[in-house]
């Protein structure tokens, strides 16, 4: 799955470095993204949207935590950045 993940993102012009077995345990591949101050918020939002889609497509989503019962606490539109 890690190779498909990298290939799909590269096709969408998103660079990612992936590492799989034997450098990681068999079921624990990793992905690394290099973020810089030159990236805009729109660029980062695009990457997050694509990651969400890839997670669904390749069935990669996993969390040890349940979704919040109060998602309004995470609404980032109610404050201003300095």
Protein backbone atom coordinates (compact mmCIF):
# COMPACT_ATOMS: atom_id res chain seq x y z
CA UNK A 1 0.00 0.00 0.00
CA UNK A 2 2.85 2.40 0.71
CA UNK A 3 4.03 2.32 -2.92
CA UNK A 4 0.49 2.94 -4.17
CA UNK A 5 0.15 5.80 -1.67
CA UNK A 6 3.31 7.48 -2.96
CA UNK A 7 2.40 6.88 -6.61
CA UNK A 8 -1.11 8.33 -6.23
CA UNK A 9 0.18 11.44 -4.47
CA UNK A 10 2.97 11.95 -7.00
CA UNK A 11 0.37 11.80 -9.80
CA UNK A 12 -1.33 14.70 -7.99
CA UNK A 13 1.95 16.67 -7.82
CA UNK A 14 2.42 16.04 -4.09
CA UNK A 15 5.90 14.91 -3.09
CA UNK A 16 6.22 12.34 -0.33
CA UNK A 17 9.03 10.09 0.86
CA UNK A 18 7.84 6.66 1.95
CA UNK A 19 9.67 3.97 3.90
CA UNK A 20 8.50 0.40 4.19
CA UNK A 21 9.76 -3.01 5.20
CA UNK A 22 12.58 -3.87 6.03
CA UNK A 23 13.33 -0.35 7.31
CA UNK A 24 10.10 -0.43 9.33
CA UNK A 25 8.09 -3.28 10.84
CA UNK A 26 6.07 -5.09 8.17
CA UNK A 27 2.74 -3.42 9.00
CA UNK A 28 4.15 0.01 9.89
CA UNK A 29 5.26 1.87 6.75
CA UNK A 30 5.90 5.59 7.14
CA UNK A 31 5.47 8.70 5.01
CA UNK A 32 7.42 11.95 5.33
CA UNK A 33 6.36 15.33 4.03
CA UNK A 34 8.71 18.32 3.93
CA UNK A 35 6.82 21.49 4.80
CA UNK A 36 8.35 24.93 4.43
CA UNK A 37 7.38 28.54 5.05
CA UNK A 38 6.97 28.89 1.27
CA UNK A 39 3.91 26.62 1.31
CA UNK A 40 0.62 28.50 1.43
CA UNK A 41 -2.35 27.52 3.53
CA UNK A 42 -4.18 26.62 0.30
CA UNK A 43 -1.36 24.26 -0.68
CA UNK A 44 -1.46 22.57 2.72
CA UNK A 45 -5.26 22.28 2.57
CA UNK A 46 -4.94 20.63 -0.86
CA UNK A 47 -2.48 18.10 0.55
CA UNK A 48 -4.78 17.34 3.49
CA UNK A 49 -7.77 16.86 1.17
CA UNK A 50 -5.74 14.47 -0.98
CA UNK A 51 -4.51 12.57 2.08
CA UNK A 52 -8.09 12.18 3.24
CA UNK A 53 -9.07 10.81 -0.16
CA UNK A 54 -6.06 8.45 -0.28
CA UNK A 55 -6.85 7.21 3.21
CA UNK A 56 -10.33 6.23 2.05
CA UNK A 57 -9.19 4.79 -1.29
CA UNK A 58 -6.40 2.65 0.17
CA UNK A 59 -8.13 1.98 3.51
CA UNK A 60 -5.27 3.53 5.49
CA UNK A 61 -7.17 5.51 8.09
CA UNK A 62 -6.55 4.42 11.64
CA UNK A 63 -6.90 6.07 15.01
CA UNK A 64 -6.56 4.94 18.57
CA UNK A 65 -8.92 7.75 19.56
CA UNK A 66 -12.63 8.07 19.04
CA UNK A 67 -14.01 11.05 17.16
CA UNK A 68 -14.89 13.95 19.39
CA UNK A 69 -18.48 14.25 20.55
CA UNK A 70 -17.93 18.03 20.37
CA UNK A 71 -16.45 18.83 16.94
CA UNK A 72 -17.27 22.52 17.43
CA UNK A 73 -14.23 22.71 19.71
CA UNK A 74 -12.04 22.21 16.64
CA UNK A 75 -13.62 24.90 14.47
CA UNK A 76 -10.64 26.93 13.24
CA UNK A 77 -12.76 29.61 11.58
CA UNK A 78 -13.56 31.37 14.85
CA UNK A 79 -10.14 32.91 15.50
CA UNK A 80 -7.57 35.02 13.69
CA UNK A 81 -3.95 34.19 13.05
CA UNK A 82 -1.36 36.81 14.00
